[in-house]
Amino acid sequence: MSIVRNVAGIAKGMSITFREMLQPTIVENYPDGPGPLRGAVFQPRFRGAHVLQRDENGLEKCVACFLCAAACPSNCIYIEAAENTAENRISSSERYAKVYNIDYNRCIFCGYCVEACPTDAITHGHGFELATLNATNLVMRKEDMLVPVASLTAK
């Protein structure tokens, strides 16, 4: 009896496979699709490339507290802190991140760094085209991730 049941299960699975093989393929038309995202559709909680945010005055939100680097399970965030001076104000706090690097060769896009940040300085953007043939291009520096000041005034 169990042999008949096993054969029936295999036949049912193969019938589904053959039925799907005869159906037309439905694909997303990326990169030539319509709209501003050129055919790519993102879910609201998509975790793309990281973005370093600025406050409403155009200063960096990162205060170099190292909580994002401590929370990162893959140890891909490297930060060097520096002190703000009266003539050279980078952030609204006493310190700022002089160097802020994320190595996307190691990043697993878990979101722990975003959750750990007390000032909401680091967020996940919608950048998804990170493929490259050179692994050194996957080390994103602060200048690559920082929101431009011009985009703040456009809002």
Protein backbone atom coordinates (compact mmCIF):
# COMPACT_ATOMS: atom_id res chain seq x y z
CA MET A 1 0.00 0.00 0.00
CA SER A 2 2.85 2.41 0.80
CA ILE A 3 4.39 1.83 -2.65
CA VAL A 4 1.14 2.89 -4.32
CA ARG A 5 1.01 5.99 -2.10
CA ASN A 6 4.62 6.88 -2.98
CA VAL A 7 4.00 6.48 -6.70
CA ALA A 8 0.82 8.57 -6.43
CA GLY A 9 2.77 11.32 -4.65
CA ILE A 10 5.47 11.32 -7.31
CA ALA A 11 2.87 11.38 -10.09
CA LYS A 12 1.09 14.34 -8.45
CA GLY A 13 4.38 16.25 -8.13
CA MET A 14 5.34 15.55 -11.74
CA SER A 15 1.90 16.66 -12.95
CA ILE A 16 2.43 20.03 -11.25
CA THR A 17 5.89 20.28 -12.81
CA PHE A 18 4.66 19.52 -16.32
CA ARG A 19 1.70 21.90 -15.94
CA GLU A 20 4.03 24.75 -14.93
CA MET A 21 6.43 23.97 -17.79
CA LEU A 22 3.67 24.63 -20.32
CA GLN A 23 2.59 27.97 -18.78
CA PRO A 24 4.10 31.20 -20.18
CA THR A 25 6.93 32.67 -18.14
CA ILE A 26 6.15 35.89 -16.26
CA VAL A 27 9.20 38.07 -15.72
CA GLU A 28 9.86 41.53 -14.39
CA ASN A 29 11.05 43.83 -17.14
CA TYR A 30 14.20 45.15 -15.45
CA PRO A 31 16.10 47.36 -16.37
CA ASP A 32 13.89 48.55 -19.23
CA GLY A 33 10.55 48.65 -17.43
CA PRO A 34 8.35 51.72 -16.95
CA GLY A 35 8.59 54.21 -14.11
CA PRO A 36 11.37 55.95 -12.19
CA LEU A 37 12.76 52.65 -10.87
CA ARG A 38 12.95 51.23 -14.42
CA GLY A 39 10.84 48.19 -13.65
CA ALA A 40 12.21 47.38 -10.18
CA VAL A 41 9.57 47.14 -7.47
CA PHE A 42 10.68 47.41 -3.84
CA GLN A 43 8.92 46.15 -0.78
CA PRO A 44 8.58 48.77 2.00
CA ARG A 45 11.09 46.99 4.26
CA PHE A 46 13.74 46.40 1.58
CA ARG A 47 17.29 46.70 2.97
CA GLY A 48 19.52 48.21 0.33
CA ALA A 49 22.82 50.05 0.48
CA HIS A 50 23.38 52.13 3.61
CA VAL A 51 22.81 55.88 3.67
CA LEU A 52 24.32 58.33 6.18
CA GLN A 53 21.75 60.99 7.02
CA ARG A 54 22.09 64.70 7.72
CA ASP A 55 20.01 66.84 10.08
CA GLU A 56 17.83 69.77 9.02
CA ASN A 57 20.82 72.16 9.21
CA GLY A 58 22.89 70.05 6.81
CA LEU A 59 25.20 68.71 9.53
CA GLU A 60 26.00 65.02 9.76
CA LYS A 61 23.91 63.07 12.23
CA CYS A 62 26.67 60.57 13.05
CA VAL A 63 28.29 61.34 16.41
CA ALA A 64 30.86 58.50 16.22
CA CYS A 65 29.46 56.56 19.17
CA PHE A 66 30.60 53.23 17.64
CA LEU A 67 27.31 51.50 18.56
CA CYS A 68 26.69 50.46 14.94
CA ALA A 69 30.15 48.90 14.71
CA ALA A 70 29.63 47.10 18.02
CA ALA A 71 26.24 45.73 16.93
CA CYS A 72 27.50 44.48 13.56
CA PRO A 73 27.82 40.67 13.63
CA SER A 74 30.05 40.54 10.56
CA ASN A 75 32.40 43.31 11.77
CA CYS A 76 32.20 45.20 8.49
CA ILE A 77 31.92 48.78 9.87
CA TYR A 78 35.07 50.79 10.54
CA ILE A 79 34.87 54.20 12.22
CA GLU A 80 37.47 56.76 13.26
CA ALA A 81 36.25 59.62 15.44
CA ALA A 82 37.43 63.22 15.48
CA GLU A 83 36.54 66.27 17.57
CA ASN A 84 34.43 69.12 16.27
CA THR A 85 35.89 72.60 16.57
CA ALA A 86 34.15 75.96 16.58
CA GLU A 87 35.50 76.87 13.14
CA ASN A 88 35.06 73.39 11.61
CA ARG A 89 31.63 72.08 12.64
CA ILE A 90 30.81 68.73 10.97
CA SER A 91 28.08 67.44 13.29
CA SER A 92 25.93 68.93 16.01
CA SER A 93 27.70 66.90 18.70
CA GLU A 94 31.19 67.07 20.19
CA ARG A 95 32.49 64.34 17.89
CA TYR A 96 31.94 63.23 14.33
CA ALA A 97 32.99 60.28 12.20
CA LYS A 98 36.16 61.31 10.41
CA VAL A 99 36.26 57.91 8.66
CA TYR A 100 33.16 55.76 8.19
CA ASN A 101 33.62 52.68 6.00
CA ILE A 102 31.34 49.72 5.35
CA ASP A 103 32.81 46.69 3.65
CA TYR A 104 30.01 45.20 1.53
CA ASN A 105 32.15 42.11 0.95
CA ARG A 106 31.29 41.21 4.55
CA CYS A 107 27.95 42.98 5.15
CA ILE A 108 24.94 40.67 5.54
CA PHE A 109 22.32 43.48 5.50
CA CYS A 110 20.94 42.39 8.86
CA GLY A 111 19.93 45.91 9.94
CA TYR A 112 21.48 45.73 13.42
CA CYS A 113 23.52 48.86 12.73
CA VAL A 114 20.36 50.79 11.85
CA GLU A 115 18.61 49.61 15.01
CA ALA A 116 21.62 50.41 17.23
CA CYS A 117 22.10 54.01 16.04
CA PRO A 118 20.73 56.43 18.66
CA THR A 119 20.66 59.41 16.28
CA ASP A 120 19.20 57.62 13.22
CA ALA A 121 22.33 58.56 11.31
CA ILE A 122 22.57 55.33 9.34
CA THR A 123 19.63 53.89 7.43
CA HIS A 124 19.05 51.40 4.66
CA GLY A 125 18.40 53.02 1.31
CA HIS A 126 16.98 51.44 -1.82
CA GLY A 127 20.29 51.04 -3.66
CA PHE A 128 20.57 47.50 -4.92
CA GLU A 129 23.01 47.63 -7.83
CA LEU A 130 26.17 46.75 -5.90
CA ALA A 131 27.65 44.18 -8.27
CA THR A 132 31.22 44.76 -9.39
CA LEU A 133 34.14 42.78 -10.76
CA ASN A 134 36.60 44.42 -8.34
CA ALA A 135 36.18 43.65 -4.62
CA THR A 136 37.83 46.92 -3.59
CA ASN A 137 34.87 48.81 -5.08
CA LEU A 138 32.64 47.24 -2.41
CA VAL A 139 34.23 49.21 0.43
CA MET A 140 31.92 52.21 0.72
CA ARG A 141 33.35 55.30 2.32
CA LYS A 142 31.57 58.07 4.15
CA GLU A 143 31.58 60.29 1.06
CA ASP A 144 29.83 57.55 -0.95
CA MET A 145 27.06 57.04 1.60
CA LEU A 146 26.42 60.59 2.84
CA VAL A 147 23.23 62.31 1.69
CA PRO A 148 24.13 65.36 -0.42
CA VAL A 149 23.30 68.76 1.07
CA ALA A 150 21.49 69.78 -2.15
CA SER A 151 18.89 67.03 -1.65
CA LEU A 152 17.96 68.50 1.75
CA THR A 153 17.07 71.90 0.29
CA ALA A 154 15.00 70.34 -2.48
CA LYS A 155 12.52 68.84 0.02
